[in-house]
Amino acid sequence: MQEAPVKSFLDETDEKILKILQENGRITNADLAKAIELSPPSALQRVRRLERAGYILGYTALLDPEKLGYSITVWAMMSLTLHQDQPIERFRSRVMEVPEVVECYNVSGEYDFLLKILVADIRAYESLMRETLSRIEGVRQMQSSFVLGVTKHTTHIPV
């Protein structure tokens, strides 16, 4: 397994590139080059190097869940009955198949997994829990917290 690059790999220009791309992933190479005061070929070379090194994982469009009919966000805490490789991998595999689960974290503490779930309404969540998530073999306990409001949401990582 390849070791993750450390931040010391980055110089000031690399950090500027990462900040700009987090703000606007659709910026043209020419505009990026102008912003970091390099030639377009040099800017592109640096971006490609950051991609190869794993600093840039990909590019995506951020969508508005509510406009797409997902008015409820739920954080679900899940505990498994066994903490061995097979039950954990089985849970991970099944969760990957559930489109309403948009994030899944293996966590420490009282629960084993923290899931971020988007649904249209309470009935949709009840159905998802009853018919899908609670039926995953090895699930011992579930607890849900419904998001009432969002104070801060960002995809930006401090650079």
N, C-alpha and C. Protein backbone atom coordinates (compact mmCIF):
# COMPACT_ATOMS: atom_id res chain seq x y z
N MET A 1 0.84 -1.19 0.00
CA MET A 1 0.00 0.00 0.00
C MET A 1 0.88 1.24 0.00
N GLN A 2 0.55 2.19 -0.85
CA GLN A 2 1.33 3.41 -0.98
C GLN A 2 1.06 4.35 0.18
N GLU A 3 2.12 4.95 0.71
CA GLU A 3 1.97 5.88 1.82
C GLU A 3 1.37 7.19 1.33
N ALA A 4 0.49 7.77 2.12
CA ALA A 4 -0.14 9.04 1.76
C ALA A 4 0.89 10.15 1.78
N PRO A 5 0.86 11.03 0.77
CA PRO A 5 1.79 12.16 0.77
C PRO A 5 1.51 13.08 1.95
N VAL A 6 2.53 13.73 2.42
CA VAL A 6 2.36 14.67 3.54
C VAL A 6 2.26 16.09 3.00
N LYS A 7 1.69 16.97 3.80
CA LYS A 7 1.47 18.34 3.36
C LYS A 7 2.78 19.05 2.99
N SER A 8 3.91 18.61 3.55
CA SER A 8 5.18 19.26 3.25
C SER A 8 5.53 19.15 1.76
N PHE A 9 4.85 18.26 1.03
CA PHE A 9 5.02 18.12 -0.41
C PHE A 9 4.54 19.38 -1.12
N LEU A 10 3.64 20.11 -0.48
CA LEU A 10 3.03 21.28 -1.09
C LEU A 10 3.86 22.53 -0.87
N ASP A 11 3.96 23.34 -1.92
CA ASP A 11 4.54 24.67 -1.73
C ASP A 11 3.40 25.69 -1.76
N GLU A 12 3.72 26.94 -1.66
CA GLU A 12 2.71 28.00 -1.59
C GLU A 12 1.82 28.02 -2.84
N THR A 13 2.41 27.78 -4.00
CA THR A 13 1.63 27.77 -5.24
C THR A 13 0.66 26.59 -5.27
N ASP A 14 1.12 25.43 -4.81
CA ASP A 14 0.23 24.26 -4.74
C ASP A 14 -0.96 24.56 -3.83
N GLU A 15 -0.70 25.17 -2.71
CA GLU A 15 -1.78 25.52 -1.78
C GLU A 15 -2.77 26.49 -2.41
N LYS A 16 -2.26 27.46 -3.18
CA LYS A 16 -3.14 28.40 -3.88
C LYS A 16 -4.02 27.64 -4.88
N ILE A 17 -3.41 26.71 -5.60
CA ILE A 17 -4.16 25.92 -6.59
C ILE A 17 -5.29 25.17 -5.89
N LEU A 18 -4.98 24.51 -4.78
CA LEU A 18 -5.99 23.74 -4.06
C LEU A 18 -7.12 24.63 -3.56
N LYS A 19 -6.77 25.80 -3.03
CA LYS A 19 -7.80 26.73 -2.55
C LYS A 19 -8.70 27.19 -3.70
N ILE A 20 -8.10 27.54 -4.82
CA ILE A 20 -8.87 28.02 -5.97
C ILE A 20 -9.78 26.92 -6.51
N LEU A 21 -9.25 25.70 -6.64
CA LEU A 21 -10.05 24.61 -7.17
C LEU A 21 -11.19 24.22 -6.23
N GLN A 22 -11.00 24.38 -4.92
CA GLN A 22 -12.11 24.13 -3.99
C GLN A 22 -13.22 25.16 -4.18
N GLU A 23 -12.84 26.38 -4.50
CA GLU A 23 -13.83 27.44 -4.72
C GLU A 23 -14.52 27.28 -6.06
N ASN A 24 -13.75 26.87 -7.07
CA ASN A 24 -14.30 26.78 -8.42
C ASN A 24 -13.60 25.66 -9.19
N GLY A 25 -14.15 24.47 -9.11
CA GLY A 25 -13.56 23.33 -9.79
C GLY A 25 -13.69 23.40 -11.31
N ARG A 26 -14.48 24.35 -11.80
CA ARG A 26 -14.68 24.49 -13.25
C ARG A 26 -13.83 25.62 -13.84
N ILE A 27 -12.95 26.19 -13.06
CA ILE A 27 -12.10 27.28 -13.56
C ILE A 27 -11.28 26.76 -14.75
N THR A 28 -11.12 27.59 -15.74
CA THR A 28 -10.30 27.17 -16.89
C THR A 28 -8.84 27.17 -16.48
N ASN A 29 -8.06 26.38 -17.17
CA ASN A 29 -6.63 26.34 -16.89
C ASN A 29 -6.00 27.70 -17.11
N ALA A 30 -6.46 28.43 -18.12
CA ALA A 30 -5.92 29.77 -18.40
C ALA A 30 -6.19 30.71 -17.23
N ASP A 31 -7.41 30.67 -16.70
CA ASP A 31 -7.74 31.54 -15.56
C ASP A 31 -7.00 31.12 -14.30
N LEU A 32 -6.85 29.83 -14.10
CA LEU A 32 -6.08 29.34 -12.95
C LEU A 32 -4.63 29.80 -13.06
N ALA A 33 -4.06 29.66 -14.24
CA ALA A 33 -2.67 30.06 -14.46
C ALA A 33 -2.48 31.55 -14.16
N LYS A 34 -3.44 32.35 -14.60
CA LYS A 34 -3.38 33.79 -14.34
C LYS A 34 -3.44 34.06 -12.84
N ALA A 35 -4.32 33.36 -12.13
CA ALA A 35 -4.50 33.58 -10.70
C ALA A 35 -3.27 33.20 -9.88
N ILE A 36 -2.52 32.20 -10.34
CA ILE A 36 -1.33 31.77 -9.60
C ILE A 36 -0.04 32.29 -10.23
N GLU A 37 -0.22 33.11 -11.27
CA GLU A 37 0.91 33.77 -11.94
C GLU A 37 1.93 32.79 -12.51
N LEU A 38 1.41 31.79 -13.24
CA LEU A 38 2.24 30.83 -13.97
C LEU A 38 1.72 30.72 -15.39
N SER A 39 2.49 30.12 -16.26
CA SER A 39 2.02 29.86 -17.62
C SER A 39 0.98 28.75 -17.58
N PRO A 40 0.06 28.73 -18.54
CA PRO A 40 -0.94 27.64 -18.56
C PRO A 40 -0.33 26.23 -18.54
N PRO A 41 0.73 25.96 -19.32
CA PRO A 41 1.31 24.61 -19.25
C PRO A 41 1.87 24.28 -17.86
N SER A 42 2.48 25.25 -17.21
CA SER A 42 3.02 25.03 -15.86
C SER A 42 1.91 24.80 -14.84
N ALA A 43 0.83 25.57 -14.98
CA ALA A 43 -0.30 25.40 -14.07
C ALA A 43 -0.91 24.01 -14.25
N LEU A 44 -1.10 23.60 -15.49
CA LEU A 44 -1.67 22.28 -15.77
C LEU A 44 -0.76 21.17 -15.23
N GLN A 45 0.51 21.34 -15.39
CA GLN A 45 1.47 20.35 -14.89
C GLN A 45 1.36 20.22 -13.37
N ARG A 46 1.23 21.33 -12.69
CA ARG A 46 1.08 21.29 -11.22
C ARG A 46 -0.23 20.63 -10.81
N VAL A 47 -1.32 20.95 -11.50
CA VAL A 47 -2.61 20.33 -11.18
C VAL A 47 -2.52 18.82 -11.38
N ARG A 48 -1.95 18.40 -12.49
CA ARG A 48 -1.81 16.95 -12.76
C ARG A 48 -0.96 16.27 -11.68
N ARG A 49 0.09 16.94 -11.24
CA ARG A 49 0.94 16.39 -10.18
C ARG A 49 0.17 16.25 -8.87
N LEU A 50 -0.66 17.24 -8.54
CA LEU A 50 -1.50 17.17 -7.34
C LEU A 50 -2.54 16.06 -7.45
N GLU A 51 -3.06 15.85 -8.65
CA GLU A 51 -4.00 14.75 -8.87
C GLU A 51 -3.30 13.40 -8.67
N ARG A 52 -2.15 13.22 -9.30
CA ARG A 52 -1.40 11.96 -9.19
C ARG A 52 -0.99 11.66 -7.75
N ALA A 53 -0.65 12.72 -7.00
CA ALA A 53 -0.23 12.54 -5.61
C ALA A 53 -1.41 12.30 -4.67
N GLY A 54 -2.62 12.42 -5.18
CA GLY A 54 -3.80 12.12 -4.37
C GLY A 54 -4.35 13.29 -3.57
N TYR A 55 -3.84 14.49 -3.79
CA TYR A 55 -4.39 15.66 -3.10
C TYR A 55 -5.75 16.04 -3.67
N ILE A 56 -5.90 15.87 -4.98
CA ILE A 56 -7.17 16.13 -5.66
C ILE A 56 -7.78 14.78 -5.97
N LEU A 57 -8.92 14.50 -5.35
CA LEU A 57 -9.55 13.19 -5.51
C LEU A 57 -10.47 13.13 -6.72
N GLY A 58 -10.98 14.27 -7.16
CA GLY A 58 -11.89 14.30 -8.30
C GLY A 58 -12.59 15.63 -8.37
N TYR A 59 -13.50 15.75 -9.31
CA TYR A 59 -14.26 16.97 -9.52
C TYR A 59 -15.73 16.60 -9.58
N THR A 60 -16.58 17.44 -9.00
CA THR A 60 -17.99 17.11 -8.95
C THR A 60 -18.84 18.37 -8.89
N ALA A 61 -20.13 18.21 -9.15
CA ALA A 61 -21.08 19.31 -8.98
C ALA A 61 -21.79 19.10 -7.65
N LEU A 62 -21.98 20.15 -6.89
CA LEU A 62 -22.72 20.06 -5.63
C LEU A 62 -24.19 20.34 -5.92
N LEU A 63 -25.03 19.41 -5.52
CA LEU A 63 -26.46 19.51 -5.80
C LEU A 63 -27.23 19.92 -4.55
N ASP A 64 -28.40 20.53 -4.75
CA ASP A 64 -29.26 20.93 -3.65
C ASP A 64 -30.22 19.79 -3.34
N PRO A 65 -30.03 19.10 -2.20
CA PRO A 65 -30.89 17.95 -1.87
C PRO A 65 -32.37 18.30 -1.82
N GLU A 66 -32.71 19.47 -1.27
CA GLU A 66 -34.13 19.84 -1.14
C GLU A 66 -34.79 20.01 -2.50
N LYS A 67 -34.09 20.60 -3.45
CA LYS A 67 -34.67 20.79 -4.79
C LYS A 67 -34.87 19.44 -5.48
N LEU A 68 -34.13 18.43 -5.03
CA LEU A 68 -34.27 17.09 -5.60
C LEU A 68 -35.22 16.22 -4.79
N GLY A 69 -35.90 16.83 -3.81
CA GLY A 69 -36.92 16.11 -3.06
C GLY A 69 -36.45 15.47 -1.76
N TYR A 70 -35.23 15.73 -1.36
CA TYR A 70 -34.71 15.18 -0.09
C TYR A 70 -34.76 16.27 0.97
N SER A 71 -35.88 16.37 1.67
CA SER A 71 -36.06 17.46 2.63
C SER A 71 -35.57 17.10 4.02
N ILE A 72 -35.23 15.83 4.26
CA ILE A 72 -34.81 15.42 5.59
C ILE A 72 -33.42 14.80 5.54
N THR A 73 -32.56 15.29 6.45
CA THR A 73 -31.23 14.71 6.64
C THR A 73 -31.21 14.06 8.01
N VAL A 74 -30.73 12.84 8.05
CA VAL A 74 -30.69 12.07 9.29
C VAL A 74 -29.27 11.57 9.51
N TRP A 75 -28.83 11.67 10.75
CA TRP A 75 -27.58 11.02 11.16
C TRP A 75 -27.99 9.78 11.94
N ALA A 76 -27.62 8.61 11.45
CA ALA A 76 -27.99 7.35 12.09
C ALA A 76 -26.74 6.71 12.67
N MET A 77 -26.81 6.35 13.94
CA MET A 77 -25.72 5.66 14.61
C MET A 77 -26.07 4.18 14.66
N MET A 78 -25.15 3.35 14.20
CA MET A 78 -25.41 1.91 14.09
C MET A 78 -24.37 1.15 14.89
N SER A 79 -24.84 0.14 15.63
CA SER A 79 -23.95 -0.78 16.35
C SER A 79 -24.12 -2.17 15.76
N LEU A 80 -23.01 -2.89 15.69
CA LEU A 80 -23.04 -4.26 15.20
C LEU A 80 -22.93 -5.23 16.37
N THR A 81 -23.42 -6.43 16.17
CA THR A 81 -23.36 -7.44 17.24
C THR A 81 -21.95 -7.97 17.40
N LEU A 82 -21.22 -8.11 16.31
CA LEU A 82 -19.85 -8.63 16.35
C LEU A 82 -18.90 -7.61 15.74
N HIS A 83 -17.68 -7.57 16.24
CA HIS A 83 -16.69 -6.62 15.74
C HIS A 83 -15.55 -7.36 15.06
N GLN A 84 -15.92 -8.30 14.21
CA GLN A 84 -14.93 -9.06 13.45
C GLN A 84 -14.96 -8.59 12.01
N ASP A 85 -13.93 -8.96 11.25
CA ASP A 85 -13.81 -8.48 9.87
C ASP A 85 -15.02 -8.80 9.01
N GLN A 86 -15.52 -10.02 9.05
CA GLN A 86 -16.60 -10.41 8.16
C GLN A 86 -17.89 -9.61 8.40
N PRO A 87 -18.38 -9.50 9.65
CA PRO A 87 -19.60 -8.69 9.85
C PRO A 87 -19.41 -7.21 9.48
N ILE A 88 -18.25 -6.68 9.76
CA ILE A 88 -17.98 -5.27 9.43
C ILE A 88 -17.98 -5.08 7.92
N GLU A 89 -17.30 -5.97 7.20
CA GLU A 89 -17.25 -5.86 5.75
C GLU A 89 -18.63 -6.10 5.13
N ARG A 90 -19.41 -7.00 5.69
CA ARG A 90 -20.76 -7.26 5.20
C ARG A 90 -21.61 -5.99 5.36
N PHE A 91 -21.51 -5.34 6.52
CA PHE A 91 -22.25 -4.10 6.76
C PHE A 91 -21.82 -3.03 5.75
N ARG A 92 -20.51 -2.84 5.60
CA ARG A 92 -20.01 -1.82 4.66
C ARG A 92 -20.51 -2.09 3.25
N SER A 93 -20.45 -3.33 2.84
CA SER A 93 -20.88 -3.70 1.50
C SER A 93 -22.36 -3.41 1.28
N ARG A 94 -23.20 -3.75 2.25
CA ARG A 94 -24.64 -3.50 2.13
C ARG A 94 -24.95 -2.00 2.12
N VAL A 95 -24.27 -1.24 2.97
CA VAL A 95 -24.51 0.21 3.04
C VAL A 95 -24.14 0.87 1.71
N MET A 96 -23.11 0.37 1.05
CA MET A 96 -22.70 0.93 -0.25
C MET A 96 -23.82 0.80 -1.29
N GLU A 97 -24.72 -0.14 -1.10
CA GLU A 97 -25.81 -0.38 -2.04
C GLU A 97 -27.04 0.50 -1.78
N VAL A 98 -27.03 1.26 -0.71
CA VAL A 98 -28.21 2.06 -0.32
C VAL A 98 -27.98 3.51 -0.76
N PRO A 99 -28.67 3.96 -1.81
CA PRO A 99 -28.41 5.30 -2.33
C PRO A 99 -28.73 6.43 -1.36
N GLU A 100 -29.69 6.21 -0.44
CA GLU A 100 -30.04 7.26 0.52
C GLU A 100 -28.92 7.50 1.53
N VAL A 101 -28.04 6.53 1.73
CA VAL A 101 -26.88 6.71 2.60
C VAL A 101 -25.81 7.40 1.77
N VAL A 102 -25.58 8.68 2.08
CA VAL A 102 -24.64 9.47 1.28
C VAL A 102 -23.25 9.55 1.92
N GLU A 103 -23.16 9.21 3.20
CA GLU A 103 -21.87 9.15 3.88
C GLU A 103 -21.95 8.04 4.92
N CYS A 104 -20.83 7.35 5.12
CA CYS A 104 -20.76 6.30 6.12
C CYS A 104 -19.37 6.33 6.74
N TYR A 105 -19.33 6.45 8.06
CA TYR A 105 -18.07 6.52 8.79
C TYR A 105 -18.01 5.40 9.81
N ASN A 106 -16.88 4.70 9.87
CA ASN A 106 -16.61 3.73 10.93
C ASN A 106 -16.03 4.56 12.07
N VAL A 107 -16.70 4.55 13.23
CA VAL A 107 -16.32 5.45 14.32
C VAL A 107 -16.01 4.67 15.60
N SER A 108 -15.36 5.37 16.52
CA SER A 108 -15.10 4.79 17.84
C SER A 108 -16.22 5.22 18.78
N GLY A 109 -16.27 4.57 19.93
CA GLY A 109 -17.28 4.96 20.92
C GLY A 109 -18.39 3.94 21.03
N GLU A 110 -19.54 4.41 21.45
CA GLU A 110 -20.69 3.55 21.72
C GLU A 110 -21.22 2.87 20.45
N TYR A 111 -21.12 3.56 19.32
CA TYR A 111 -21.62 3.03 18.05
C TYR A 111 -20.44 2.71 17.14
N ASP A 112 -20.71 1.86 16.16
CA ASP A 112 -19.67 1.44 15.24
C ASP A 112 -19.64 2.25 13.95
N PHE A 113 -20.82 2.70 13.52
CA PHE A 113 -20.92 3.43 12.26
C PHE A 113 -21.83 4.64 12.42
N LEU A 114 -21.48 5.70 11.70
CA LEU A 114 -22.29 6.91 11.64
C LEU A 114 -22.65 7.11 10.17
N LEU A 115 -23.95 7.15 9.89
CA LEU A 115 -24.44 7.27 8.52
C LEU A 115 -25.16 8.59 8.34
N LYS A 116 -24.87 9.25 7.24
CA LYS A 116 -25.64 10.43 6.85
C LYS A 116 -26.60 9.97 5.78
N ILE A 117 -27.89 10.22 6.04
CA ILE A 117 -28.94 9.70 5.17
C ILE A 117 -29.82 10.86 4.70
N LEU A 118 -30.16 10.85 3.41
CA LEU A 118 -31.08 11.83 2.85
C LEU A 118 -32.35 11.12 2.42
N VAL A 119 -33.49 11.63 2.87
CA VAL A 119 -34.79 11.07 2.50
C VAL A 119 -35.80 12.18 2.23
N ALA A 120 -36.89 11.80 1.58
CA ALA A 120 -37.92 12.78 1.24
C ALA A 120 -38.73 13.21 2.45
N ASP A 121 -39.05 12.23 3.32
CA ASP A 121 -39.90 12.53 4.47
C ASP A 121 -39.72 11.46 5.54
N ILE A 122 -40.43 11.63 6.65
CA ILE A 122 -40.31 10.70 7.78
C ILE A 122 -40.74 9.28 7.38
N ARG A 123 -41.78 9.18 6.58
CA ARG A 123 -42.24 7.85 6.15
C ARG A 123 -41.16 7.13 5.33
N ALA A 124 -40.48 7.88 4.48
CA ALA A 124 -39.41 7.29 3.68
C ALA A 124 -38.28 6.80 4.58
N TYR A 125 -37.99 7.57 5.63
CA TYR A 125 -36.95 7.14 6.56
C TYR A 125 -37.38 5.89 7.33
N GLU A 126 -38.61 5.89 7.79
CA GLU A 126 -39.12 4.73 8.52
C GLU A 126 -39.02 3.48 7.64
N SER A 127 -39.41 3.60 6.41
CA SER A 127 -39.36 2.49 5.47
C SER A 127 -37.92 2.03 5.24
N LEU A 128 -37.02 2.98 5.06
CA LEU A 128 -35.61 2.65 4.85
C LEU A 128 -35.05 1.91 6.06
N MET A 129 -35.36 2.39 7.26
CA MET A 129 -34.84 1.74 8.48
C MET A 129 -35.45 0.35 8.65
N ARG A 130 -36.76 0.27 8.50
CA ARG A 130 -37.45 -1.00 8.75
C ARG A 130 -37.15 -2.06 7.69
N GLU A 131 -37.14 -1.64 6.42
CA GLU A 131 -37.04 -2.61 5.34
C GLU A 131 -35.63 -2.84 4.82
N THR A 132 -34.72 -1.94 5.12
CA THR A 132 -33.37 -2.09 4.56
C THR A 132 -32.29 -2.14 5.64
N LEU A 133 -32.12 -1.03 6.36
CA LEU A 133 -30.98 -0.95 7.28
C LEU A 133 -31.08 -1.93 8.45
N SER A 134 -32.25 -2.06 9.05
CA SER A 134 -32.39 -2.96 10.20
C SER A 134 -32.27 -4.43 9.79
N ARG A 135 -32.40 -4.71 8.51
CA ARG A 135 -32.32 -6.09 8.02
C ARG A 135 -30.90 -6.50 7.63
N ILE A 136 -29.97 -5.60 7.74
CA ILE A 136 -28.59 -5.98 7.46
C ILE A 136 -28.14 -6.91 8.57
N GLU A 137 -27.67 -8.07 8.19
CA GLU A 137 -27.25 -9.06 9.18
C GLU A 137 -26.16 -8.48 10.08
N GLY A 138 -26.34 -8.63 11.38
CA GLY A 138 -25.34 -8.18 12.33
C GLY A 138 -25.62 -6.84 12.97
N VAL A 139 -26.67 -6.14 12.53
CA VAL A 139 -27.02 -4.86 13.15
C VAL A 139 -27.66 -5.14 14.50
N ARG A 140 -27.09 -4.55 15.54
CA ARG A 140 -27.58 -4.74 16.90
C ARG A 140 -28.48 -3.61 17.34
N GLN A 141 -28.07 -2.37 17.05
CA GLN A 141 -28.79 -1.21 17.57
C GLN A 141 -28.67 -0.04 16.60
N MET A 142 -29.72 0.77 16.54
CA MET A 142 -29.73 1.97 15.70
C MET A 142 -30.30 3.13 16.50
N GLN A 143 -29.73 4.30 16.29
CA GLN A 143 -30.26 5.52 16.90
C GLN A 143 -30.20 6.61 15.85
N SER A 144 -31.25 7.40 15.75
CA SER A 144 -31.33 8.42 14.71
C SER A 144 -31.42 9.82 15.31
N SER A 145 -30.78 10.76 14.64
CA SER A 145 -30.91 12.18 14.97
C SER A 145 -31.28 12.91 13.68
N PHE A 146 -32.35 13.69 13.75
CA PHE A 146 -32.82 14.42 12.59
C PHE A 146 -32.25 15.83 12.59
N VAL A 147 -31.75 16.26 11.45
CA VAL A 147 -31.19 17.60 11.34
C VAL A 147 -32.33 18.60 11.29
N LEU A 148 -32.31 19.55 12.22
CA LEU A 148 -33.34 20.58 12.28
C LEU A 148 -32.93 21.83 11.50
N GLY A 149 -31.64 22.06 11.40
CA GLY A 149 -31.11 23.21 10.68
C GLY A 149 -29.61 23.04 10.49
N VAL A 150 -29.07 23.74 9.53
CA VAL A 150 -27.64 23.65 9.23
C VAL A 150 -26.99 24.99 9.53
N THR A 151 -26.06 25.00 10.45
CA THR A 151 -25.33 26.22 10.78
C THR A 151 -24.14 26.41 9.85
N LYS A 152 -23.47 25.31 9.55
CA LYS A 152 -22.32 25.37 8.64
C LYS A 152 -22.24 24.07 7.86
N HIS A 153 -22.05 24.18 6.57
CA HIS A 153 -21.83 23.02 5.71
C HIS A 153 -20.83 23.45 4.65
N THR A 154 -19.74 22.76 4.56
CA THR A 154 -18.75 23.08 3.55
C THR A 154 -18.09 21.81 3.08
N THR A 155 -17.61 21.86 1.87
CA THR A 155 -16.80 20.76 1.35
C THR A 155 -15.33 21.17 1.33
N HIS A 156 -15.05 22.39 1.78
CA HIS A 156 -13.68 22.90 1.74
C HIS A 156 -12.86 22.35 2.90
N ILE A 157 -11.66 21.92 2.56
CA ILE A 157 -10.70 21.45 3.55
C ILE A 157 -9.69 22.57 3.76
N PRO A 158 -9.38 22.92 5.01
CA PRO A 158 -8.38 23.99 5.22
C PRO A 158 -7.04 23.63 4.59
N VAL A 159 -6.51 24.54 3.80
CA VAL A 159 -5.21 24.32 3.14
C VAL A 159 -4.23 25.30 3.71
